[in-house]
Amino acid sequence: VGSKELVRRVCSDIESETNMKAYPIPVGGSNGCGTWGYIEGVNEIKDQLSDQNVDHVVFACGSGGTAAGITIGFALSYITNA
């Protein structure tokens, strides 16, 4: 079973068992909503580490969604803080 089908099946099971709507997020969070999550995560990183000098952020990457969100998040944070 591929990742798309697995996500679809899990959402279907949740919806049938709970009578609630499940929102599918693809593996890697590679959609617009997932990217916004990483952008917000950058804000949290910057807030929590505001008193430290961080030179690098290291993360695992598969689909590119994480890299896109983190890169955009840091780029936006430096534009707004310039």
Protein backbone atom coordinates (compact mmCIF):
# COMPACT_ATOMS: atom_id res chain seq x y z
CA VAL A 1 0.00 0.00 0.00
CA GLY A 2 1.40 3.38 -0.95
CA SER A 3 1.45 6.35 1.41
CA LYS A 4 -1.51 8.11 -0.26
CA GLU A 5 -3.68 5.03 0.03
CA LEU A 6 -2.58 4.44 3.63
CA VAL A 7 -3.53 8.01 4.61
CA ARG A 8 -6.86 7.63 2.82
CA ARG A 9 -7.62 4.35 4.65
CA VAL A 10 -6.69 5.75 8.06
CA CYS A 11 -8.88 8.82 7.48
CA SER A 12 -11.74 6.59 6.38
CA ASP A 13 -11.38 4.39 9.49
CA ILE A 14 -11.31 7.44 11.79
CA GLU A 15 -14.38 8.93 10.14
CA SER A 16 -16.37 5.70 10.33
CA GLU A 17 -15.38 5.01 13.97
CA THR A 18 -15.81 8.53 15.36
CA ASN A 19 -18.34 10.17 13.03
CA MET A 20 -15.88 13.09 12.78
CA LYS A 21 -14.15 14.51 9.70
CA ALA A 22 -10.47 13.58 9.34
CA TYR A 23 -8.12 15.97 7.52
CA PRO A 24 -5.50 14.05 5.52
CA ILE A 25 -1.96 15.43 5.70
CA PRO A 26 0.36 13.69 3.26
CA VAL A 27 3.51 11.93 4.41
CA GLY A 28 6.09 14.64 5.02
CA GLY A 29 3.44 17.31 5.48
CA SER A 30 3.91 18.29 1.86
CA ASN A 31 0.91 20.46 1.30
CA GLY A 32 0.08 24.08 1.98
CA CYS A 33 -1.19 23.41 5.49
CA GLY A 34 1.94 21.43 6.41
CA THR A 35 4.21 24.14 5.08
CA TRP A 36 2.44 26.75 7.23
CA GLY A 37 3.00 24.47 10.22
CA TYR A 38 6.75 24.57 9.64
CA ILE A 39 6.66 28.34 9.13
CA GLU A 40 4.98 28.69 12.53
CA GLY A 41 7.50 26.24 13.96
CA VAL A 42 10.31 28.58 12.94
CA ASN A 43 8.64 31.37 14.93
CA GLU A 44 8.57 29.08 17.96
CA ILE A 45 12.23 28.10 17.50
CA LYS A 46 13.23 31.75 17.28
CA ASP A 47 11.18 32.64 20.39
CA GLN A 48 12.59 29.77 22.46
CA LEU A 49 16.18 30.39 21.37
CA SER A 50 16.07 34.20 21.27
CA ASP A 51 18.91 34.49 23.80
CA GLN A 52 21.17 32.04 21.91
CA ASN A 53 23.21 32.35 18.73
CA VAL A 54 22.17 29.48 16.45
CA ASP A 55 24.20 28.99 13.28
CA HIS A 56 22.50 25.92 11.81
CA VAL A 57 19.15 24.14 11.87
CA VAL A 58 19.38 20.42 11.05
CA PHE A 59 16.38 18.28 10.08
CA ALA A 60 15.49 15.15 8.15
CA CYS A 61 13.99 15.66 4.71
CA GLY A 62 12.19 13.31 2.38
CA SER A 63 9.56 15.01 0.26
CA GLY A 64 10.88 18.56 0.59
CA GLY A 65 7.90 19.93 2.54
CA THR A 66 9.95 20.33 5.71
CA ALA A 67 12.76 22.10 3.87
CA ALA A 68 10.30 24.41 2.10
CA GLY A 69 8.48 25.41 5.27
CA ILE A 70 11.62 25.94 7.35
CA THR A 71 13.37 27.88 4.60
CA ILE A 72 10.35 30.12 3.98
CA GLY A 73 9.87 30.57 7.72
CA PHE A 74 13.43 31.77 8.30
CA ALA A 75 13.37 33.95 5.19
CA LEU A 76 10.15 35.64 6.33
CA SER A 77 11.38 36.10 9.88
CA TYR A 78 14.49 37.93 8.71
CA ILE A 79 12.50 40.14 6.33
CA THR A 80 10.11 41.19 9.10
CA ASN A 81 12.97 41.75 11.56
CA ALA A 82 15.10 43.82 9.17
